[in-house]
Amino acid sequence: MLNLTTPTEFLLLEFSQVYKLQILHFLLFLAMYIVSLAANIFIVIVIIMDHRLHSPMYLFLMNLALMDIGSISVIVPKSMVNSLMNSRLISYSECIAQVFFFLFFETSEYFLLTVMAHDRHVAICNPLQYETVIKKEACIQMVAIVWIVSLLYAILHTSGTFSIRFCSNKVDQFFCEIPKLLKLSCSDLYLVEVGFLAFCGIIIFGCFVFVAATYVWIFTAVLKIPSVHGQKKAIRTCFPHLSVFSLMMSTGLFVYLRPPSNTSSDLELTFAVIYAILPPM
């Protein structure tokens, strides 16, 4: 018989059943967490303290750093504690909170990276119009819209995911992830959440097309810059943004669009670590 009762806790995926390897996982995650946290906090403090950095590009960067602090803090500390305590448990309420806040910070980061692509496009392709197009008031409005839309997105998917009944409490991931939770469903209600995910996937794909087209225009404009020094300077301002966006897209696509499997994959686990932890670093 299927267990249709709502579980009070979930069992997350272990990185290893050997305790010494779990301690190694704890130390690696601790190092990455400290580096990411310290660097992003440093970015926020420097931008706040230095009035010369109170410009649109650095306003976006400061918000991106705050989102990175939030996204990595939602997942890594719990994973470290479980490894240190030789445990797999996460409570039902903790799982809900993890899904909500991870979706909120990851979605806001993705949308903000899309906005930042527009910022880089105007700065490189139309530098004389930059001050009039990318105003401080417009930047604040864009950032506010990103936060609000991401909040609604997180509420929608969290409520949709945890409105279903679960047949099992074993999550094949090292954190509470929606696709893995939907595999535990006992009823067809999970198809509603799948439909929501598909619709939002179309929106995210539209953002990807926008960023890709934007960078085609940017690189076309860079090639027209007469000096090699000017070309390198323009590319340097775009490369960090493009690398983070590409990393999030490629690993996220692998995790969410790969064919479903009843067994957990070490490669899938590795890519989940990459898209959840490396971008904030």
C-alpha atoms as a PDB file:
ATOM      1  CA  MET A   1       0.000   0.000   0.000  1.00  0.00           C
ATOM      2  CA  LEU A   2       1.135   3.549  -0.752  1.00  0.00           C
ATOM      3  CA  ASN A   3       1.876   5.808   2.178  1.00  0.00           C
ATOM      4  CA  LEU A   4      -0.348   8.829   1.550  1.00  0.00           C
ATOM      5  CA  THR A   5       0.477  10.642   4.782  1.00  0.00           C
ATOM      6  CA  THR A   6       2.489  13.843   4.612  1.00  0.00           C
ATOM      7  CA  PRO A   7       6.042  13.113   5.799  1.00  0.00           C
ATOM      8  CA  THR A   8       7.360  15.089   8.752  1.00  0.00           C
ATOM      9  CA  GLU A   9      10.902  14.936   7.368  1.00  0.00           C
ATOM     10  CA  PHE A  10      12.830  14.039   4.222  1.00  0.00           C
ATOM     11  CA  LEU A  11      16.021  12.057   3.671  1.00  0.00           C
ATOM     12  CA  LEU A  12      18.526  13.865   1.444  1.00  0.00           C
ATOM     13  CA  LEU A  13      21.136  12.235  -0.758  1.00  0.00           C
ATOM     14  CA  GLU A  14      24.493  11.531   0.839  1.00  0.00           C
ATOM     15  CA  PHE A  15      27.737  12.388  -0.899  1.00  0.00           C
ATOM     16  CA  SER A  16      29.252   9.270   0.635  1.00  0.00           C
ATOM     17  CA  GLN A  17      28.411   6.602   3.185  1.00  0.00           C
ATOM     18  CA  VAL A  18      31.980   6.711   4.492  1.00  0.00           C
ATOM     19  CA  TYR A  19      32.179   9.139   7.423  1.00  0.00           C
ATOM     20  CA  LYS A  20      35.740  10.277   6.609  1.00  0.00           C
ATOM     21  CA  LEU A  21      34.606  11.254   3.105  1.00  0.00           C
ATOM     22  CA  GLN A  22      31.655  13.092   4.625  1.00  0.00           C
ATOM     23  CA  ILE A  23      34.103  15.098   6.738  1.00  0.00           C
ATOM     24  CA  LEU A  24      36.051  15.863   3.552  1.00  0.00           C
ATOM     25  CA  HIS A  25      32.807  17.037   1.932  1.00  0.00           C
ATOM     26  CA  PHE A  26      32.166  19.233   4.981  1.00  0.00           C
ATOM     27  CA  LEU A  27      35.617  20.843   4.728  1.00  0.00           C
ATOM     28  CA  LEU A  28      35.320  21.455   0.965  1.00  0.00           C
ATOM     29  CA  PHE A  29      31.878  23.015   1.311  1.00  0.00           C
ATOM     30  CA  LEU A  30      33.062  25.074   4.282  1.00  0.00           C
ATOM     31  CA  ALA A  31      35.966  26.472   2.251  1.00  0.00           C
ATOM     32  CA  MET A  32      33.730  27.316  -0.718  1.00  0.00           C
ATOM     33  CA  TYR A  33      31.091  28.839   1.558  1.00  0.00           C
ATOM     34  CA  ILE A  34      33.594  31.052   3.411  1.00  0.00           C
ATOM     35  CA  VAL A  35      35.190  32.242   0.147  1.00  0.00           C
ATOM     36  CA  SER A  36      31.826  33.000  -1.472  1.00  0.00           C
ATOM     37  CA  LEU A  37      30.378  34.673   1.627  1.00  0.00           C
ATOM     38  CA  ALA A  38      33.464  36.793   2.331  1.00  0.00           C
ATOM     39  CA  ALA A  39      33.892  37.909  -1.277  1.00  0.00           C
ATOM     40  CA  ASN A  40      30.254  38.876  -1.800  1.00  0.00           C
ATOM     41  CA  ILE A  41      30.018  40.684   1.546  1.00  0.00           C
ATOM     42  CA  PHE A  42      33.209  42.534   0.631  1.00  0.00           C
ATOM     43  CA  ILE A  43      31.666  43.578  -2.702  1.00  0.00           C
ATOM     44  CA  VAL A  44      28.552  44.926  -0.964  1.00  0.00           C
ATOM     45  CA  ILE A  45      30.568  46.858   1.653  1.00  0.00           C
ATOM     46  CA  VAL A  46      32.937  48.404  -0.907  1.00  0.00           C
ATOM     47  CA  ILE A  47      30.086  49.552  -3.163  1.00  0.00           C
ATOM     48  CA  ILE A  48      28.171  51.049  -0.225  1.00  0.00           C
ATOM     49  CA  MET A  49      31.220  52.827   1.222  1.00  0.00           C
ATOM     50  CA  ASP A  50      32.715  54.189  -2.008  1.00  0.00           C
ATOM     51  CA  HIS A  51      30.515  56.935  -3.494  1.00  0.00           C
ATOM     52  CA  ARG A  52      32.356  56.661  -6.811  1.00  0.00           C
ATOM     53  CA  LEU A  53      30.746  53.250  -7.237  1.00  0.00           C
ATOM     54  CA  HIS A  54      27.183  54.513  -6.836  1.00  0.00           C
ATOM     55  CA  SER A  55      26.491  53.951 -10.527  1.00  0.00           C
ATOM     56  CA  PRO A  56      24.010  51.661 -12.333  1.00  0.00           C
ATOM     57  CA  MET A  57      26.519  48.882 -13.099  1.00  0.00           C
ATOM     58  CA  TYR A  58      27.641  48.644  -9.471  1.00  0.00           C
ATOM     59  CA  LEU A  59      24.059  48.851  -8.206  1.00  0.00           C
ATOM     60  CA  PHE A  60      23.317  45.741 -10.236  1.00  0.00           C
ATOM     61  CA  LEU A  61      26.517  44.102  -9.002  1.00  0.00           C
ATOM     62  CA  MET A  62      25.661  44.802  -5.358  1.00  0.00           C
ATOM     63  CA  ASN A  63      22.220  43.242  -5.744  1.00  0.00           C
ATOM     64  CA  LEU A  64      23.780  40.263  -7.519  1.00  0.00           C
ATOM     65  CA  ALA A  65      26.156  39.807  -4.576  1.00  0.00           C
ATOM     66  CA  LEU A  66      23.219  39.886  -2.126  1.00  0.00           C
ATOM     67  CA  MET A  67      21.413  37.259  -4.187  1.00  0.00           C
ATOM     68  CA  ASP A  68      24.540  35.086  -4.237  1.00  0.00           C
ATOM     69  CA  ILE A  69      24.854  35.341  -0.454  1.00  0.00           C
ATOM     70  CA  GLY A  70      21.241  34.240  -0.093  1.00  0.00           C
ATOM     71  CA  SER A  71      21.321  31.382  -2.607  1.00  0.00           C
ATOM     72  CA  ILE A  72      24.458  29.720  -1.232  1.00  0.00           C
ATOM     73  CA  SER A  73      23.333  30.201   2.385  1.00  0.00           C
ATOM     74  CA  VAL A  74      20.076  28.354   1.714  1.00  0.00           C
ATOM     75  CA  ILE A  75      21.760  25.077   0.707  1.00  0.00           C
ATOM     76  CA  VAL A  76      25.361  24.785   1.885  1.00  0.00           C
ATOM     77  CA  PRO A  77      25.046  25.171   5.704  1.00  0.00           C
ATOM     78  CA  LYS A  78      22.398  22.423   5.968  1.00  0.00           C
ATOM     79  CA  SER A  79      24.467  20.098   3.782  1.00  0.00           C
ATOM     80  CA  MET A  80      27.556  20.759   5.925  1.00  0.00           C
ATOM     81  CA  VAL A  81      25.690  20.106   9.174  1.00  0.00           C
ATOM     82  CA  ASN A  82      24.306  16.819   7.831  1.00  0.00           C
ATOM     83  CA  SER A  83      27.780  15.679   6.776  1.00  0.00           C
ATOM     84  CA  LEU A  84      29.277  16.634  10.116  1.00  0.00           C
ATOM     85  CA  MET A  85      26.481  14.912  12.066  1.00  0.00           C
ATOM     86  CA  ASN A  86      26.423  11.883   9.731  1.00  0.00           C
ATOM     87  CA  SER A  87      22.765  12.570   9.006  1.00  0.00           C
ATOM     88  CA  ARG A  88      20.483  12.805   5.967  1.00  0.00           C
ATOM     89  CA  LEU A  89      17.462  14.394   7.670  1.00  0.00           C
ATOM     90  CA  ILE A  90      15.764  17.652   6.791  1.00  0.00           C
ATOM     91  CA  SER A  91      12.423  18.560   8.362  1.00  0.00           C
ATOM     92  CA  TYR A  92       9.319  19.191   6.257  1.00  0.00           C
ATOM     93  CA  SER A  93       9.284  22.898   7.154  1.00  0.00           C
ATOM     94  CA  GLU A  94      13.020  23.215   6.437  1.00  0.00           C
ATOM     95  CA  CYS A  95      12.462  21.621   3.037  1.00  0.00           C
ATOM     96  CA  ILE A  96       9.675  24.096   2.238  1.00  0.00           C
ATOM     97  CA  ALA A  97      11.896  27.003   3.289  1.00  0.00           C
ATOM     98  CA  GLN A  98      14.816  25.651   1.261  1.00  0.00           C
ATOM     99  CA  VAL A  99      12.709  25.309  -1.902  1.00  0.00           C
ATOM    100  CA  PHE A 100      11.175  28.760  -1.490  1.00  0.00           C
ATOM    101  CA  PHE A 101      14.344  30.719  -0.783  1.00  0.00           C
ATOM    102  CA  PHE A 102      16.470  28.839  -3.319  1.00  0.00           C
ATOM    103  CA  LEU A 103      13.893  29.522  -6.045  1.00  0.00           C
ATOM    104  CA  PHE A 104      13.628  33.142  -4.954  1.00  0.00           C
ATOM    105  CA  PHE A 105      17.359  33.871  -5.017  1.00  0.00           C
ATOM    106  CA  GLU A 106      18.159  31.768  -8.107  1.00  0.00           C
ATOM    107  CA  THR A 107      15.312  33.280 -10.146  1.00  0.00           C
ATOM    108  CA  SER A 108      16.161  36.827  -9.082  1.00  0.00           C
ATOM    109  CA  GLU A 109      19.797  36.207 -10.012  1.00  0.00           C
ATOM    110  CA  TYR A 110      18.826  34.872 -13.435  1.00  0.00           C
ATOM    111  CA  PHE A 111      16.523  37.812 -14.186  1.00  0.00           C
ATOM    112  CA  LEU A 112      19.083  40.305 -12.893  1.00  0.00           C
ATOM    113  CA  LEU A 113      21.748  38.789 -15.164  1.00  0.00           C
ATOM    114  CA  THR A 114      19.311  39.357 -18.029  1.00  0.00           C
ATOM    115  CA  VAL A 115      18.919  43.006 -17.008  1.00  0.00           C
ATOM    116  CA  MET A 116      22.714  43.349 -16.714  1.00  0.00           C
ATOM    117  CA  ALA A 117      23.075  42.136 -20.307  1.00  0.00           C
ATOM    118  CA  HIS A 118      20.924  45.081 -21.370  1.00  0.00           C
ATOM    119  CA  ASP A 119      23.119  47.384 -19.273  1.00  0.00           C
ATOM    120  CA  ARG A 120      26.299  46.115 -20.984  1.00  0.00           C
ATOM    121  CA  HIS A 121      24.639  46.436 -24.404  1.00  0.00           C
ATOM    122  CA  VAL A 122      23.795  50.103 -23.888  1.00  0.00           C
ATOM    123  CA  ALA A 123      27.223  50.842 -22.354  1.00  0.00           C
ATOM    124  CA  ILE A 124      29.155  49.342 -25.300  1.00  0.00           C
ATOM    125  CA  CYS A 125      26.845  49.828 -28.283  1.00  0.00           C
ATOM    126  CA  ASN A 126      25.404  53.246 -27.310  1.00  0.00           C
ATOM    127  CA  PRO A 127      27.882  54.769 -24.827  1.00  0.00           C
ATOM    128  CA  LEU A 128      26.771  58.352 -25.496  1.00  0.00           C
ATOM    129  CA  GLN A 129      23.185  57.489 -24.525  1.00  0.00           C
ATOM    130  CA  TYR A 130      24.119  55.443 -21.449  1.00  0.00           C
ATOM    131  CA  GLU A 131      23.491  58.191 -18.889  1.00  0.00           C
ATOM    132  CA  THR A 132      20.056  58.951 -20.315  1.00  0.00           C
ATOM    133  CA  VAL A 133      18.897  55.360 -20.864  1.00  0.00           C
ATOM    134  CA  ILE A 134      20.315  53.667 -17.734  1.00  0.00           C
ATOM    135  CA  LYS A 135      19.293  56.182 -15.089  1.00  0.00           C
ATOM    136  CA  LYS A 136      19.538  55.489 -11.383  1.00  0.00           C
ATOM    137  CA  GLU A 137      15.761  55.652 -10.999  1.00  0.00           C
ATOM    138  CA  ALA A 138      15.294  53.200 -13.881  1.00  0.00           C
ATOM    139  CA  CYS A 139      17.852  50.832 -12.320  1.00  0.00           C
ATOM    140  CA  ILE A 140      16.058  50.869  -8.973  1.00  0.00           C
ATOM    141  CA  GLN A 141      12.764  50.125 -10.733  1.00  0.00           C
ATOM    142  CA  MET A 142      14.288  47.221 -12.699  1.00  0.00           C
ATOM    143  CA  VAL A 143      15.842  45.730  -9.560  1.00  0.00           C
ATOM    144  CA  ALA A 144      12.547  46.098  -7.666  1.00  0.00           C
ATOM    145  CA  ILE A 145      10.665  44.348 -10.488  1.00  0.00           C
ATOM    146  CA  VAL A 146      13.221  41.513 -10.427  1.00  0.00           C
ATOM    147  CA  TRP A 147      12.759  41.003  -6.672  1.00  0.00           C
ATOM    148  CA  ILE A 148       8.936  41.154  -6.876  1.00  0.00           C
ATOM    149  CA  VAL A 149       8.631  38.788  -9.867  1.00  0.00           C
ATOM    150  CA  SER A 150      11.050  36.333  -8.240  1.00  0.00           C
ATOM    151  CA  LEU A 151       9.062  36.431  -5.001  1.00  0.00           C
ATOM    152  CA  LEU A 152       5.821  35.606  -6.858  1.00  0.00           C
ATOM    153  CA  TYR A 153       7.616  32.867  -8.804  1.00  0.00           C
ATOM    154  CA  ALA A 154       8.914  31.269  -5.597  1.00  0.00           C
ATOM    155  CA  ILE A 155       5.492  31.434  -3.913  1.00  0.00           C
ATOM    156  CA  LEU A 156       3.804  29.862  -6.956  1.00  0.00           C
ATOM    157  CA  HIS A 157       6.139  26.890  -7.264  1.00  0.00           C
ATOM    158  CA  THR A 158       6.572  26.258  -3.551  1.00  0.00           C
ATOM    159  CA  SER A 159       2.828  26.162  -2.940  1.00  0.00           C
ATOM    160  CA  GLY A 160       2.315  24.014  -6.062  1.00  0.00           C
ATOM    161  CA  THR A 161       4.991  21.526  -5.048  1.00  0.00           C
ATOM    162  CA  PHE A 162       3.938  21.048  -1.427  1.00  0.00           C
ATOM    163  CA  SER A 163       0.224  20.838  -2.181  1.00  0.00           C
ATOM    164  CA  ILE A 164       0.741  17.273  -3.455  1.00  0.00           C
ATOM    165  CA  ARG A 165       0.922  14.053  -1.442  1.00  0.00           C
ATOM    166  CA  PHE A 166       4.249  12.230  -1.196  1.00  0.00           C
ATOM    167  CA  CYS A 167       4.630   8.445  -1.315  1.00  0.00           C
ATOM    168  CA  SER A 168       8.209   8.519  -0.091  1.00  0.00           C
ATOM    169  CA  ASN A 169      10.516  10.834   1.813  1.00  0.00           C
ATOM    170  CA  LYS A 170      13.775   9.910   0.048  1.00  0.00           C
ATOM    171  CA  VAL A 171      14.980  12.845  -2.081  1.00  0.00           C
ATOM    172  CA  ASP A 172      17.629  11.908  -4.673  1.00  0.00           C
ATOM    173  CA  GLN A 173      19.495  15.193  -4.257  1.00  0.00           C
ATOM    174  CA  PHE A 174      21.650  16.811  -1.578  1.00  0.00           C
ATOM    175  CA  PHE A 175      19.031  19.551  -1.119  1.00  0.00           C
ATOM    176  CA  CYS A 176      15.271  19.851  -1.621  1.00  0.00           C
ATOM    177  CA  GLU A 177      14.852  20.280  -5.369  1.00  0.00           C
ATOM    178  CA  ILE A 178      11.464  20.482  -7.090  1.00  0.00           C
ATOM    179  CA  PRO A 179      12.005  17.839  -9.840  1.00  0.00           C
ATOM    180  CA  LYS A 180      13.195  15.322  -7.232  1.00  0.00           C
ATOM    181  CA  LEU A 181      10.242  16.116  -4.950  1.00  0.00           C
ATOM    182  CA  LEU A 182       7.759  15.711  -7.811  1.00  0.00           C
ATOM    183  CA  LYS A 183       9.077  12.181  -8.406  1.00  0.00           C
ATOM    184  CA  LEU A 184       7.798  11.311  -4.914  1.00  0.00           C
ATOM    185  CA  SER A 185       4.205  12.269  -5.761  1.00  0.00           C
ATOM    186  CA  CYS A 186       1.365   9.797  -5.149  1.00  0.00           C
ATOM    187  CA  SER A 187      -1.217  11.505  -7.374  1.00  0.00           C
ATOM    188  CA  ASP A 188      -1.564  13.222 -10.722  1.00  0.00           C
ATOM    189  CA  LEU A 189      -1.707  16.642  -9.052  1.00  0.00           C
ATOM    190  CA  TYR A 190       2.023  16.957  -9.659  1.00  0.00           C
ATOM    191  CA  LEU A 191       1.195  17.468 -13.359  1.00  0.00           C
ATOM    192  CA  VAL A 192      -0.163  20.931 -12.464  1.00  0.00           C
ATOM    193  CA  GLU A 193       3.241  21.908 -11.062  1.00  0.00           C
ATOM    194  CA  VAL A 194       4.921  20.368 -14.127  1.00  0.00           C
ATOM    195  CA  GLY A 195       2.735  22.623 -16.276  1.00  0.00           C
ATOM    196  CA  PHE A 196       3.782  25.665 -14.238  1.00  0.00           C
ATOM    197  CA  LEU A 197       7.436  24.662 -14.641  1.00  0.00           C
ATOM    198  CA  ALA A 198       7.013  24.269 -18.402  1.00  0.00           C
ATOM    199  CA  PHE A 199       5.405  27.713 -18.711  1.00  0.00           C
ATOM    200  CA  CYS A 200       8.144  29.338 -16.652  1.00  0.00           C
ATOM    201  CA  GLY A 201      10.706  27.421 -18.686  1.00  0.00           C
ATOM    202  CA  ILE A 202       9.415  29.225 -21.789  1.00  0.00           C
ATOM    203  CA  ILE A 203       9.931  32.585 -20.039  1.00  0.00           C
ATOM    204  CA  ILE A 204      13.452  31.607 -18.995  1.00  0.00           C
ATOM    205  CA  PHE A 205      14.216  30.475 -22.533  1.00  0.00           C
ATOM    206  CA  GLY A 206      13.027  33.877 -23.750  1.00  0.00           C
ATOM    207  CA  CYS A 207      15.529  35.520 -21.380  1.00  0.00           C
ATOM    208  CA  PHE A 208      18.245  33.254 -22.779  1.00  0.00           C
ATOM    209  CA  VAL A 209      17.392  34.291 -26.358  1.00  0.00           C
ATOM    210  CA  PHE A 210      17.455  37.950 -25.297  1.00  0.00           C
ATOM    211  CA  VAL A 211      20.896  37.613 -23.679  1.00  0.00           C
ATOM    212  CA  ALA A 212      22.271  35.651 -26.656  1.00  0.00           C
ATOM    213  CA  ALA A 213      21.014  38.255 -29.147  1.00  0.00           C
ATOM    214  CA  THR A 214      22.353  41.045 -26.925  1.00  0.00           C
ATOM    215  CA  TYR A 215      25.842  39.562 -26.943  1.00  0.00           C
ATOM    216  CA  VAL A 216      25.763  39.165 -30.713  1.00  0.00           C
ATOM    217  CA  TRP A 217      25.183  42.934 -30.926  1.00  0.00           C
ATOM    218  CA  ILE A 218      27.848  43.570 -28.266  1.00  0.00           C
ATOM    219  CA  PHE A 219      30.556  41.517 -29.987  1.00  0.00           C
ATOM    220  CA  THR A 220      29.650  43.089 -33.326  1.00  0.00           C
ATOM    221  CA  ALA A 221      30.163  46.533 -31.769  1.00  0.00           C
ATOM    222  CA  VAL A 222      33.416  45.424 -30.086  1.00  0.00           C
ATOM    223  CA  LEU A 223      34.875  44.313 -33.413  1.00  0.00           C
ATOM    224  CA  LYS A 224      34.266  47.826 -34.745  1.00  0.00           C
ATOM    225  CA  ILE A 225      36.371  49.419 -31.985  1.00  0.00           C
ATOM    226  CA  PRO A 226      39.585  50.581 -33.735  1.00  0.00           C
ATOM    227  CA  SER A 227      42.058  49.949 -30.884  1.00  0.00           C
ATOM    228  CA  VAL A 228      42.935  46.532 -29.524  1.00  0.00           C
ATOM    229  CA  HIS A 229      43.112  48.006 -26.020  1.00  0.00           C
ATOM    230  CA  GLY A 230      39.544  49.282 -26.346  1.00  0.00           C
ATOM    231  CA  GLN A 231      38.354  45.875 -27.526  1.00  0.00           C
ATOM    232  CA  LYS A 232      40.001  44.106 -24.573  1.00  0.00           C
ATOM    233  CA  LYS A 233      38.569  46.620 -22.112  1.00  0.00           C
ATOM    234  CA  ALA A 234      35.047  46.114 -23.474  1.00  0.00           C
ATOM    235  CA  ILE A 235      35.383  42.324 -23.380  1.00  0.00           C
ATOM    236  CA  ARG A 236      36.717  42.419 -19.804  1.00  0.00           C
ATOM    237  CA  THR A 237      33.564  44.205 -18.613  1.00  0.00           C
ATOM    238  CA  CYS A 238      31.389  41.500 -20.202  1.00  0.00           C
ATOM    239  CA  PHE A 239      33.328  38.299 -19.568  1.00  0.00           C
ATOM    240  CA  PRO A 240      32.442  37.786 -15.841  1.00  0.00           C
ATOM    241  CA  HIS A 241      28.742  38.338 -16.566  1.00  0.00           C
ATOM    242  CA  LEU A 242      28.754  36.072 -19.619  1.00  0.00           C
ATOM    243  CA  SER A 243      30.682  33.303 -17.832  1.00  0.00           C
ATOM    244  CA  VAL A 244      28.306  33.229 -14.830  1.00  0.00           C
ATOM    245  CA  PHE A 245      25.226  33.291 -17.062  1.00  0.00           C
ATOM    246  CA  SER A 246      26.619  30.507 -19.279  1.00  0.00           C
ATOM    247  CA  LEU A 247      27.526  28.387 -16.245  1.00  0.00           C
ATOM    248  CA  MET A 248      24.041  28.711 -14.754  1.00  0.00           C
ATOM    249  CA  MET A 249      22.324  27.970 -18.068  1.00  0.00           C
ATOM    250  CA  SER A 250      24.416  24.961 -19.122  1.00  0.00           C
ATOM    251  CA  THR A 251      24.361  23.164 -15.770  1.00  0.00           C
ATOM    252  CA  GLY A 252      20.727  24.060 -15.102  1.00  0.00           C
ATOM    253  CA  LEU A 253      19.658  22.722 -18.502  1.00  0.00           C
ATOM    254  CA  PHE A 254      21.494  19.471 -17.858  1.00  0.00           C
ATOM    255  CA  VAL A 255      19.838  18.993 -14.466  1.00  0.00           C
ATOM    256  CA  TYR A 256      16.296  19.941 -15.479  1.00  0.00           C
ATOM    257  CA  LEU A 257      16.044  18.781 -19.109  1.00  0.00           C
ATOM    258  CA  ARG A 258      17.884  15.457 -18.982  1.00  0.00           C
ATOM    259  CA  PRO A 259      15.699  12.337 -19.441  1.00  0.00           C
ATOM    260  CA  PRO A 260      14.164  11.189 -16.140  1.00  0.00           C
ATOM    261  CA  SER A 261      15.862   8.325 -14.357  1.00  0.00           C
ATOM    262  CA  ASN A 262      14.892   6.203 -11.374  1.00  0.00           C
ATOM    263  CA  THR A 263      18.471   6.103 -10.137  1.00  0.00           C
ATOM    264  CA  SER A 264      20.562   9.008  -8.947  1.00  0.00           C
ATOM    265  CA  SER A 265      23.545   9.911 -11.095  1.00  0.00           C
ATOM    266  CA  ASP A 266      26.941  11.038  -9.820  1.00  0.00           C
ATOM    267  CA  LEU A 267      27.156  13.296 -12.868  1.00  0.00           C
ATOM    268  CA  GLU A 268      23.763  14.809 -12.036  1.00  0.00           C
ATOM    269  CA  LEU A 269      24.902  15.407  -8.458  1.00  0.00           C
ATOM    270  CA  THR A 270      28.098  17.063  -9.693  1.00  0.00           C
ATOM    271  CA  PHE A 271      26.193  19.386 -12.013  1.00  0.00           C
ATOM    272  CA  ALA A 272      23.773  20.268  -9.200  1.00  0.00           C
ATOM    273  CA  VAL A 273      26.753  21.304  -7.067  1.00  0.00           C
ATOM    274  CA  ILE A 274      28.141  23.351  -9.973  1.00  0.00           C
ATOM    275  CA  TYR A 275      24.957  25.305 -10.718  1.00  0.00           C
ATOM    276  CA  ALA A 276      24.014  25.788  -7.064  1.00  0.00           C
ATOM    277  CA  ILE A 277      27.392  26.682  -5.551  1.00  0.00           C
ATOM    278  CA  LEU A 278      29.911  27.827  -8.176  1.00  0.00           C
ATOM    279  CA  PRO A 279      28.018  30.878  -9.579  1.00  0.00           C
ATOM    280  CA  PRO A 280      28.038  32.663  -6.184  1.00  0.00           C
ATOM    281  CA  MET A 281      31.784  32.078  -6.012  1.00  0.00           C
END
